Protein backbone atom coordinates (compact mmCIF):
# COMPACT_ATOMS: atom_id res chain seq x y z
CA MET A 1 56.37 -7.07 225.16
CA SER A 2 58.17 -7.28 221.82
CA GLU A 3 57.35 -10.06 219.34
CA LEU A 4 58.31 -11.45 215.94
CA HIS A 5 56.00 -13.63 213.81
CA THR A 6 56.83 -15.51 210.60
CA PHE A 7 54.42 -17.23 208.24
CA LEU A 8 53.92 -18.72 204.79
CA PHE A 9 50.95 -18.51 202.44
CA ASP A 10 49.91 -22.12 201.98
CA GLY A 11 50.55 -23.34 198.43
CA LEU A 12 51.84 -19.96 197.26
CA PRO A 13 55.43 -18.76 196.68
CA VAL A 14 55.08 -16.02 199.29
CA ARG A 15 56.37 -15.62 202.85
CA GLY A 16 55.85 -12.95 205.44
CA MET A 17 56.87 -11.72 208.85
CA ILE A 18 55.80 -9.02 211.24
CA VAL A 19 57.68 -7.49 214.17
CA ARG A 20 56.58 -5.28 217.04
CA LEU A 21 59.23 -3.72 219.25
CA ASP A 22 57.59 -2.37 222.37
CA GLY A 23 59.77 -2.79 225.45
CA ALA A 24 62.97 -3.01 223.38
CA TRP A 25 62.21 0.24 221.56
CA GLN A 26 61.12 2.08 224.69
CA GLU A 27 64.37 1.12 226.42
CA ILE A 28 66.43 2.42 223.50
CA LEU A 29 64.63 5.78 223.61
CA ALA A 30 64.82 5.98 227.41
CA ARG A 31 68.57 5.37 227.40
CA ARG A 32 69.09 8.10 224.82
CA ALA A 33 66.88 10.56 226.72
CA ALA A 34 68.88 9.85 229.90
CA ASN A 35 72.17 10.71 228.20
CA THR A 36 73.02 14.15 229.59
CA GLN A 37 75.45 14.86 226.74
CA THR A 38 73.00 14.27 223.89
CA GLY A 39 69.45 14.31 225.21
CA ALA A 40 66.55 12.65 223.43
CA TYR A 41 66.40 12.21 219.67
CA PRO A 42 64.26 14.70 217.73
CA ALA A 43 60.97 12.99 216.84
CA PRO A 44 61.72 12.56 213.10
CA VAL A 45 65.12 11.01 213.91
CA ALA A 46 63.55 8.64 216.44
CA GLU A 47 60.97 7.62 213.85
CA LEU A 48 63.67 6.88 211.27
CA LEU A 49 65.72 4.89 213.78
CA GLY A 50 62.64 2.94 214.88
CA GLU A 51 61.85 1.99 211.31
CA MET A 52 65.49 0.98 210.76
CA THR A 53 65.51 -1.18 213.89
CA ALA A 54 62.28 -2.94 212.92
CA ALA A 55 63.62 -3.44 209.39
CA ALA A 56 66.91 -4.87 210.69
CA ALA A 57 65.01 -7.42 212.81
CA LEU A 58 62.84 -8.40 209.82
CA MET A 59 65.81 -8.79 207.51
CA GLN A 60 67.70 -10.84 210.09
CA ALA A 61 64.68 -13.13 210.40
CA ASN A 62 64.38 -13.31 206.63
CA ILE A 63 67.94 -14.48 205.93
CA LYS A 64 68.68 -16.25 209.26
CA PHE A 65 72.26 -15.03 209.24
CA LYS A 66 74.75 -16.25 211.86
CA GLY A 67 76.20 -12.87 212.57
CA ALA A 68 75.27 -9.22 212.91
CA LEU A 69 73.07 -7.54 210.32
CA ILE A 70 73.92 -3.84 210.31
CA LEU A 71 71.73 -1.32 208.50
CA GLN A 72 73.23 2.14 207.93
CA VAL A 73 71.86 5.28 206.32
CA PHE A 74 74.21 8.21 205.76
CA GLY A 75 74.25 11.40 203.76
CA ASP A 76 74.42 15.18 203.81
CA GLY A 77 71.48 16.23 205.97
CA PRO A 78 71.36 16.95 209.71
CA VAL A 79 71.54 13.18 210.31
CA LYS A 80 75.05 12.28 209.19
CA LEU A 81 74.74 8.61 210.10
CA ALA A 82 71.99 6.35 211.45
CA VAL A 83 72.75 2.74 212.39
CA ALA A 84 70.58 -0.19 213.45
CA GLU A 85 71.92 -3.64 214.27
CA ALA A 86 70.23 -7.01 214.77
CA GLN A 87 72.07 -10.03 216.13
CA PRO A 88 71.17 -13.70 215.43
CA ASP A 89 69.39 -13.89 218.82
CA PHE A 90 67.37 -10.79 217.79
CA SER A 91 68.98 -8.46 220.25
CA VAL A 92 68.85 -5.02 218.67
CA ARG A 93 70.46 -1.63 219.14
CA CYS A 94 70.64 1.61 217.18
CA THR A 95 72.10 5.11 217.22
CA ALA A 96 72.25 8.27 215.12
CA SER A 97 74.66 11.17 214.74
CA VAL A 98 72.68 14.41 214.53
CA GLN A 99 74.39 17.66 213.58
CA GLY A 100 72.20 20.70 213.09
CA PRO A 101 68.51 21.47 213.52
CA VAL A 102 65.86 18.95 212.50
CA GLU A 103 62.49 20.25 211.29
CA ALA A 104 59.48 18.73 213.03
CA ASP A 105 58.04 17.45 209.73
CA ALA A 106 61.34 16.18 208.27
CA HIS A 107 61.35 12.88 206.42
CA LEU A 108 64.10 10.73 204.91
CA PRO A 109 65.13 13.21 202.15
CA GLU A 110 65.38 16.13 204.57
CA LEU A 111 67.18 14.06 207.20
CA VAL A 112 69.92 12.38 205.16
CA ASN A 113 69.48 13.11 201.46
CA VAL A 114 69.33 16.86 200.98
CA ASN A 115 71.46 16.88 197.81
CA ASN A 116 70.48 13.37 196.66
CA LYS A 117 73.86 11.92 197.67
CA GLY A 118 72.65 9.79 200.58
CA ARG A 119 73.36 6.07 200.73
CA CYS A 120 72.01 2.98 202.47
CA ALA A 121 74.38 0.16 203.37
CA ILE A 122 73.57 -3.31 204.66
CA THR A 123 76.47 -5.22 206.20
CA LEU A 124 76.51 -8.90 207.14
CA ASP A 125 79.28 -9.50 209.67
CA PRO A 126 79.76 -13.25 210.42
CA LYS A 127 79.96 -14.15 214.08
CA GLU A 128 82.78 -16.61 213.47
CA ARG A 129 84.86 -15.42 210.53
CA LEU A 130 86.98 -17.81 208.55
CA PRO A 131 90.64 -16.81 207.93
CA GLY A 132 90.66 -13.90 205.51
CA GLN A 133 86.87 -13.60 205.50
CA GLN A 134 85.51 -10.07 205.36
CA PRO A 135 82.00 -8.81 206.12
CA TYR A 136 79.69 -8.59 203.10
CA GLN A 137 78.32 -5.15 202.35
CA GLY A 138 75.80 -3.94 199.79
CA VAL A 139 75.24 -0.23 199.16
CA VAL A 140 72.39 1.49 197.31
CA PRO A 141 71.58 5.19 196.79
CA LEU A 142 68.57 6.88 198.32
CA PHE A 143 67.07 7.52 194.90
CA GLY A 144 65.15 5.44 192.39
CA ASP A 145 65.93 4.31 188.85
CA ARG A 146 65.11 7.76 187.45
CA GLY A 147 67.16 9.64 190.03
CA GLU A 148 64.11 10.64 192.07
CA LYS A 149 64.54 10.95 195.83
CA LEU A 150 62.94 8.09 197.73
CA GLY A 151 60.69 9.44 200.44
CA LYS A 152 60.57 6.44 202.77
CA LEU A 153 63.04 3.95 204.19
CA SER A 154 60.75 1.11 203.06
CA ASP A 155 61.14 2.29 199.44
CA VAL A 156 64.93 2.21 199.78
CA LEU A 157 64.98 -1.29 201.26
CA GLN A 158 62.53 -2.67 198.70
CA HIS A 159 64.82 -1.29 195.99
CA TYR A 160 67.82 -2.91 197.72
CA MET A 161 66.13 -6.32 197.95
CA LEU A 162 65.15 -6.16 194.30
CA GLN A 163 68.72 -5.35 193.26
CA SER A 164 70.56 -7.70 195.61
CA GLU A 165 68.28 -10.75 195.57
CA GLN A 166 66.10 -10.20 192.48
CA LEU A 167 63.08 -10.87 194.69
CA ASP A 168 59.88 -8.85 194.90
CA THR A 169 59.57 -7.44 198.42
CA THR A 170 56.97 -5.26 200.15
CA LEU A 171 57.81 -3.48 203.40
CA VAL A 172 55.59 -1.44 205.67
CA LEU A 173 57.43 0.32 208.52
CA ALA A 174 56.35 2.68 211.28
CA ALA A 175 57.57 4.00 214.61
CA ASP A 176 56.58 6.48 217.30
CA ASP A 177 57.68 7.03 220.89
CA GLN A 178 56.16 3.73 222.07
CA VAL A 179 56.37 1.17 219.26
CA ALA A 180 58.60 0.36 216.27
CA ALA A 181 56.97 -2.13 213.92
CA GLY A 182 57.25 -3.61 210.46
CA LEU A 183 55.60 -6.01 208.02
CA LEU A 184 57.59 -7.79 205.29
CA ILE A 185 56.09 -9.76 202.39
CA GLN A 186 58.42 -11.43 199.89
CA ARG A 187 58.14 -13.70 196.88
CA LEU A 188 59.99 -16.93 197.52
CA PRO A 189 63.00 -17.67 195.30
CA LEU A 190 62.58 -20.17 192.50
CA ALA A 191 63.54 -23.80 192.97
CA GLY A 192 64.17 -26.56 190.48
CA GLU A 193 65.88 -26.86 187.13
CA ALA A 194 66.68 -23.18 186.68
CA ASN A 195 68.72 -23.12 189.87
CA ILE A 196 70.38 -26.46 189.16
CA ALA A 197 71.39 -25.25 185.71
CA GLY A 198 73.10 -22.24 187.25
CA SER A 199 70.78 -19.69 185.64
CA SER A 200 68.86 -18.82 188.79
CA GLN A 201 69.66 -15.08 188.69
CA ARG A 202 68.29 -14.66 185.18
CA ALA A 203 65.26 -16.77 186.07
CA GLU A 204 64.56 -14.64 189.16
CA GLU A 205 64.84 -11.45 187.11
CA ASP A 206 62.35 -12.84 184.58
CA HIS A 207 59.80 -13.40 187.36
CA ILE A 208 60.06 -9.94 188.96
CA GLY A 209 56.61 -8.38 189.14
CA ARG A 210 54.92 -11.25 187.31
CA ASN A 211 53.65 -13.53 190.06
CA GLU A 212 49.94 -12.85 190.45
CA ASP A 213 49.71 -14.41 193.91
CA TYR A 214 52.53 -12.25 195.24
CA ASN A 215 51.11 -9.13 193.58
CA ARG A 216 47.69 -9.71 195.19
CA ILE A 217 49.16 -10.27 198.66
CA ALA A 218 51.57 -7.33 198.27
CA THR A 219 48.64 -5.05 197.44
CA LEU A 220 46.87 -6.16 200.60
CA ALA A 221 50.01 -5.62 202.68
CA ALA A 222 50.59 -2.15 201.24
CA SER A 223 47.09 -1.13 202.35
CA LEU A 224 48.20 -1.37 205.99
CA THR A 225 48.34 2.15 207.41
CA ARG A 226 50.93 3.55 209.78
CA GLU A 227 48.30 3.96 212.49
CA GLU A 228 47.12 0.35 212.12
CA LEU A 229 50.65 -1.02 212.24
CA LEU A 230 51.42 0.92 215.43
CA THR A 231 48.17 0.33 217.33
CA LEU A 232 46.75 -3.06 216.29
CA ASP A 233 48.00 -6.36 217.66
CA VAL A 234 49.57 -8.89 215.30
CA GLU A 235 46.57 -11.23 215.21
CA THR A 236 44.22 -8.40 214.25
CA ILE A 237 46.56 -7.17 211.50
CA LEU A 238 46.92 -10.60 209.93
CA ARG A 239 43.19 -11.26 210.13
CA ARG A 240 42.28 -7.90 208.57
CA LEU A 241 44.78 -8.16 205.74
CA PHE A 242 44.77 -11.84 204.86
CA TRP A 243 41.45 -13.24 206.07
CA GLU A 244 40.90 -14.92 202.69
CA GLU A 245 44.37 -16.55 202.63
CA LYS A 246 45.48 -19.72 204.38
CA LEU A 247 48.52 -18.95 206.53
CA LEU A 248 51.02 -21.46 207.84
CA ARG A 249 52.23 -19.91 211.09
CA PHE A 250 55.55 -20.67 212.76
CA GLU A 251 56.19 -20.45 216.48
CA PRO A 252 56.49 -16.72 217.24
CA ARG A 253 59.42 -15.25 219.10
CA THR A 254 57.84 -13.89 222.27
CA GLY A 255 58.76 -13.75 225.94
CA LEU A 256 62.39 -14.67 226.54
CA LEU A 257 62.91 -15.32 222.81
CA ALA A 258 61.47 -11.98 221.72
CA PRO A 259 63.56 -9.22 220.16
CA ARG A 260 65.18 -7.18 222.92
CA PHE A 261 67.63 -4.37 223.42
CA ALA A 262 71.21 -5.40 224.12
CA CYS A 263 74.56 -3.71 223.56
CA THR A 264 77.84 -5.43 222.77
CA CYS A 265 80.05 -2.68 224.17
CA SER A 266 82.47 -3.57 226.97
CA ARG A 267 85.44 -2.13 228.85
CA GLU A 268 87.67 -4.56 226.96
CA ARG A 269 86.46 -3.27 223.60
CA VAL A 270 86.97 0.33 224.63
CA SER A 271 90.47 -0.57 225.82
CA GLY A 272 91.16 -2.02 222.40
CA MET A 273 89.94 1.19 220.79
CA LEU A 274 92.27 3.25 222.98
CA ARG A 275 95.14 0.92 222.14
CA GLY A 276 94.46 1.61 218.49
CA LEU A 277 94.41 5.34 219.22
CA GLY A 278 98.00 5.12 220.40
CA GLU A 279 99.83 5.71 223.67
CA ALA A 280 100.93 9.25 222.80
CA GLU A 281 97.37 10.38 222.04
CA ALA A 282 96.02 8.71 225.18
CA GLN A 283 98.70 10.42 227.28
CA SER A 284 97.84 13.77 225.72
CA ILE A 285 94.17 13.37 226.73
CA LEU A 286 95.19 12.41 230.26
CA GLU A 287 97.42 15.47 230.61
CA GLU A 288 94.61 17.72 229.40
CA ARG A 289 91.64 16.20 231.25
CA GLY A 290 93.05 13.98 234.00
CA GLN A 291 91.16 10.94 232.70
CA ILE A 292 89.88 9.43 229.48
CA GLU A 293 86.12 9.16 229.23
CA VAL A 294 84.41 7.22 226.44
CA GLY A 295 80.66 6.90 226.09
CA CYS A 296 78.82 4.23 224.07
CA ASP A 297 76.54 5.86 221.51
CA PHE A 298 74.25 2.82 221.51
CA CYS A 299 73.52 2.30 225.21
CA GLY A 300 74.89 5.41 226.95
CA GLN A 301 77.36 3.46 229.10
CA GLN A 302 80.29 5.63 230.21
CA TYR A 303 83.78 4.15 230.55
CA ARG A 304 86.49 6.06 232.42
CA PHE A 305 90.23 5.39 232.46
CA ASP A 306 92.72 7.11 234.76
CA ALA A 307 96.52 7.17 234.35
CA VAL A 308 96.90 3.73 235.93
CA ASP A 309 94.29 2.22 233.62
CA ALA A 310 95.90 3.80 230.57
CA ALA A 311 99.33 2.52 231.54
CA GLN A 312 97.87 -0.94 231.92
CA ILE A 313 96.38 -0.81 228.40
CA PHE A 314 99.80 -0.18 226.87
CA THR A 315 101.68 -2.67 229.07
CA ALA A 316 102.40 -6.26 228.08
CA PRO A 317 99.88 -8.66 229.72
CA GLY A 318 102.48 -10.28 232.00
CA ASP A 319 103.65 -6.92 233.34
CA GLN A 320 100.25 -5.44 234.21
CA MET A 321 99.32 -4.17 237.66
CA PRO A 322 95.71 -4.16 238.93
CA GLY A 323 93.84 -1.17 237.53
CA THR A 324 90.73 0.70 238.55
CA THR A 325 87.20 -0.14 237.37
CA LEU A 326 85.74 3.30 236.88
CA MET A 327 82.46 2.85 235.04
CA GLN A 328 79.17 4.65 235.19
């Protein structure tokens, strides 16, 4: 049900992509609603997370990174942290930490940027790190050049792309309880002598906002309404917006190749987390509760460890006895 389309504007320095997360997004919301400890996300939080998940998929498709792209928004509102992640195979997942009441009409400033101290971070974590290699992370505030609060996630990400890549970018994002979707239009980076001479960054900065073809297409893209993005199919959207442009379409990611929900949690990873917690702390939890229970915030999977399991975690591999497999 989900799909991702990429395209170029023939003869113009502009590319685009559009994503619709249907089944993947519905599964994410259903898993959260089924979590008896947390319950469903408030509607404004779900909308923010949906937009973040669609944006993460678009950005992963845009840079074709061989690793996880992790988008985080954090601040001082009732949403302390919201995270969306897209893997190279376009499996996606997301979660949010909500503390306190959320107004029904809350938007980005009210959710995470009450005192204008919120931040957005984009992390690129390579799948196969070289020795000493660390993930790359870029961080931007949730306000504009004049200190004004940015009202939409798309505004924040456009600002990030302009700062990090010096490329004009237009994003339209939307989500409800059925669909999370996004449209990205971007001016292609310069090629030729400027790059060869090593002055590409300055050259890109000089072209910001000046390409007439990009500006025309960006204006058309920005006219797409939230309702249209959520209810119209991809073919109808592209035809309505760009019927006068010649598009070069690439093979879309649909069916088995489509974006989908998947979680990377595992019993082994949780065991590693408990090992990092320390044997004394683990023993203290066991004495108090009789077992250690850890739930995955992304998928809702519950992992349980009894005294035998805990002992096995802190025992050398050659000395381990068979443990239990308590999992729900």
